[in-house]
Amino acid sequence: MSLRERLLNRPRPSGEFPLRVEDDTAARDELERARRLLTLLLVQGGAEAAALEQARADVREAEGKLRACFAFVTLRALPATDFEALVAAHKPRPETKDQMFNLDTFPRACFLACVEGDLTPQEWEHLWETGMSNAEQVEAGNAAIRVNIRTPDESLPKGWARTEPSS
C-alpha cells in the first residue's frame, strides 16, 4: 500500500476506556500477591525455572481475572471540525477554572459524542448519569478528550521517529 493510500485511508484515532463492571477487589488482591511472589523469587535468585515460570503464569492468570472485571469501551475521535464545534458549544464560563471549555458540560458531551458500542445514545446517557461514579465520569471524559486532541502515544519509545530525511 502506498503512502498516499495509507494517509487517505487512515482511520480516526480511537482508544479504549476501561469501565469497571464487576467488583475488582479480590482480583486486585490476587494480582498483588502474585506479583509480590514473582518479585520475591526474582530478588532472592536461585529459584528453579519451574517455580519462576509458575509465578509468571500466576501473574498472567491474575491479570486476566482483573481484566475480566472491566468492559473496554471504544472511544473514536470526532472529525476535527466536529470536535472544534463541540468545544465552541461548551464555552468556558467566566470567573471559573475553565480555560478552553466548560469543565462541567464538555467532558460529558465529548464522551457521549465519541463512545461506540452496543448501547444506544440514550443508554450511554443513562449510564453516565446513574451508572458511573464521579471519578469514572472524570476519567471517561478525559479519555475522550485525549483521543480527540491526539496526544502523543506515550507507549512509543523516545527517539523512535526518524527526524533526518530519508535518502
Protein backbone atom coordinates (compact mmCIF):
# COMPACT_ATOMS: atom_id res chain seq x y z
CA MET A 1 0.00 0.00 0.00
CA SER A 2 1.40 3.40 -0.96
CA LEU A 3 1.89 6.24 1.49
CA ARG A 4 -0.88 8.12 -0.32
CA GLU A 5 -3.31 5.23 0.19
CA ARG A 6 -2.26 4.82 3.81
CA LEU A 7 -2.81 8.50 4.55
CA LEU A 8 -6.10 8.80 2.69
CA ASN A 9 -7.48 5.65 4.32
CA ARG A 10 -6.23 6.45 7.80
CA PRO A 11 -9.00 5.90 10.35
CA ARG A 12 -9.71 8.48 13.02
CA PRO A 13 -7.81 7.70 16.20
CA SER A 14 -9.51 5.58 18.80
CA GLY A 15 -8.78 4.35 22.28
CA GLU A 16 -10.24 2.11 24.91
CA PHE A 17 -11.64 3.23 28.22
CA PRO A 18 -11.79 0.56 30.94
CA LEU A 19 -15.13 0.73 32.70
CA ARG A 20 -15.47 -1.49 35.77
CA VAL A 21 -18.48 -3.80 35.52
CA GLU A 22 -17.70 -6.09 38.48
CA ASP A 23 -16.08 -5.63 41.87
CA ASP A 24 -12.35 -5.94 41.26
CA THR A 25 -11.18 -6.02 44.89
CA ALA A 26 -10.40 -9.74 45.04
CA ALA A 27 -8.79 -9.71 41.58
CA ARG A 28 -6.54 -6.77 42.53
CA ASP A 29 -5.52 -8.54 45.74
CA GLU A 30 -4.74 -11.75 43.86
CA LEU A 31 -2.67 -9.85 41.29
CA GLU A 32 -0.75 -8.03 44.01
CA ARG A 33 0.04 -11.34 45.78
CA ALA A 34 1.14 -12.99 42.53
CA ARG A 35 3.38 -10.04 41.63
CA ARG A 36 4.90 -10.00 45.12
CA LEU A 37 5.74 -13.69 44.93
CA LEU A 38 7.31 -13.31 41.49
CA THR A 39 9.34 -10.32 42.67
CA LEU A 40 10.48 -12.24 45.75
CA LEU A 41 11.61 -15.18 43.63
CA LEU A 42 13.49 -12.87 41.26
CA VAL A 43 15.16 -10.85 44.04
CA GLN A 44 16.22 -13.89 46.04
CA GLY A 45 17.72 -15.52 42.98
CA GLY A 46 18.41 -19.20 42.64
CA ALA A 47 14.75 -20.08 42.16
CA GLU A 48 14.10 -23.08 39.98
CA ALA A 49 12.99 -22.34 36.43
CA ALA A 50 9.73 -24.21 37.03
CA ALA A 51 8.92 -22.06 40.09
CA LEU A 52 9.63 -18.85 38.16
CA GLU A 53 7.51 -19.99 35.22
CA GLN A 54 4.65 -20.90 37.56
CA ALA A 55 4.90 -17.50 39.27
CA ARG A 56 4.80 -15.76 35.87
CA ALA A 57 1.78 -17.87 34.87
CA ASP A 58 0.06 -16.93 38.14
CA VAL A 59 0.63 -13.24 37.37
CA ARG A 60 -0.80 -13.65 33.85
CA GLU A 61 -3.83 -15.51 35.23
CA ALA A 62 -4.43 -12.84 37.89
CA GLU A 63 -4.11 -10.11 35.24
CA GLY A 64 -6.75 -11.92 33.19
CA LYS A 65 -9.11 -12.10 36.17
CA LEU A 66 -8.66 -8.37 36.80
CA ARG A 67 -9.23 -7.55 33.12
CA ALA A 68 -12.46 -9.59 33.21
CA CYS A 69 -13.82 -7.14 35.80
CA PHE A 70 -13.86 -4.40 33.15
CA ALA A 71 -15.62 -3.66 29.89
CA PHE A 72 -13.32 -1.88 27.46
CA VAL A 73 -15.33 0.86 25.76
CA THR A 74 -14.13 2.21 22.42
CA LEU A 75 -13.80 5.98 22.04
CA ARG A 76 -13.32 7.23 18.47
CA ALA A 77 -12.11 10.74 17.74
CA LEU A 78 -14.51 13.07 16.03
CA PRO A 79 -13.57 14.72 12.76
CA ALA A 80 -11.53 17.81 13.68
CA THR A 81 -14.25 20.26 12.61
CA ASP A 82 -16.85 18.41 14.69
CA PHE A 83 -14.57 18.45 17.72
CA GLU A 84 -13.97 22.20 17.29
CA ALA A 85 -17.74 22.76 17.03
CA LEU A 86 -18.27 20.74 20.22
CA VAL A 87 -15.66 22.85 22.04
CA ALA A 88 -17.33 26.02 20.76
CA ALA A 89 -20.72 24.79 22.00
CA HIS A 90 -19.30 24.45 25.54
CA LYS A 91 -17.61 27.81 26.04
CA PRO A 92 -15.58 28.47 29.18
CA ARG A 93 -17.50 30.21 31.95
CA PRO A 94 -16.16 33.50 33.24
CA GLU A 95 -14.61 33.54 36.69
CA THR A 96 -14.14 29.75 36.84
CA LYS A 97 -11.21 27.44 36.29
CA ASP A 98 -12.47 26.86 32.74
CA GLN A 99 -9.85 27.63 30.13
CA MET A 100 -10.66 26.02 26.79
CA PHE A 101 -14.20 24.78 27.50
CA ASN A 102 -16.86 24.42 30.18
CA LEU A 103 -15.43 21.84 32.58
CA ASP A 104 -18.91 20.90 33.82
CA THR A 105 -20.51 20.13 30.46
CA PHE A 106 -17.82 19.45 27.86
CA PRO A 107 -16.26 16.18 29.13
CA ARG A 108 -19.69 14.51 29.23
CA ALA A 109 -20.62 15.82 25.79
CA CYS A 110 -17.27 14.73 24.38
CA PHE A 111 -17.57 11.22 25.83
CA LEU A 112 -21.13 10.81 24.55
CA ALA A 113 -20.10 12.04 21.09
CA CYS A 114 -17.15 9.62 20.87
CA VAL A 115 -18.29 6.43 22.57
CA GLU A 116 -19.01 3.40 20.41
CA GLY A 117 -20.66 0.15 21.31
CA ASP A 118 -23.89 -1.74 21.61
CA LEU A 119 -25.70 0.84 23.73
CA THR A 120 -27.99 3.47 22.25
CA PRO A 121 -27.16 7.15 22.83
CA GLN A 122 -29.91 7.24 25.45
CA GLU A 123 -28.46 4.21 27.22
CA TRP A 124 -24.99 5.81 27.27
CA GLU A 125 -26.50 8.96 28.77
CA HIS A 126 -28.33 6.89 31.38
CA LEU A 127 -25.12 5.03 32.22
CA TRP A 128 -23.25 8.34 32.55
CA GLU A 129 -25.92 9.78 34.85
CA THR A 130 -26.69 6.78 37.05
CA GLY A 131 -24.11 4.05 36.50
CA MET A 132 -20.80 5.88 36.71
CA SER A 133 -19.17 7.42 39.73
CA ASN A 134 -17.86 10.97 39.59
CA ALA A 135 -14.30 9.65 39.29
CA GLU A 136 -15.31 7.38 36.39
CA GLN A 137 -17.03 10.31 34.68
CA VAL A 138 -13.86 12.42 35.01
CA GLU A 139 -11.68 9.61 33.63
CA ALA A 140 -14.11 8.82 30.78
CA GLY A 141 -14.36 12.49 29.80
CA ASN A 142 -10.57 12.88 29.93
CA ALA A 143 -10.10 9.75 27.81
CA ALA A 144 -12.49 11.12 25.17
CA ILE A 145 -10.70 14.46 25.15
CA ARG A 146 -7.28 12.77 24.83
CA VAL A 147 -8.36 10.69 21.85
CA ASN A 148 -9.63 13.86 20.15
CA ILE A 149 -6.63 16.07 20.80
CA ARG A 150 -4.48 13.21 19.61
CA THR A 151 -1.92 13.37 22.36
CA PRO A 152 1.31 11.56 21.53
CA ASP A 153 1.34 7.87 22.29
CA GLU A 154 3.40 7.58 25.47
CA SER A 155 3.98 3.88 24.83
CA LEU A 156 6.20 4.67 21.83
CA PRO A 157 9.88 4.78 22.75
CA LYS A 158 11.75 8.08 22.75
CA GLY A 159 13.57 8.75 19.52
CA TRP A 160 11.63 6.11 17.58
CA ALA A 161 10.66 8.55 14.83
CA ARG A 162 13.26 9.30 12.20
CA THR A 163 13.96 13.03 12.03
CA GLU A 164 16.54 13.08 9.24
CA PRO A 165 15.30 12.92 5.66
CA SER A 166 15.37 9.51 4.02
CA SER A 167 17.63 9.08 1.03
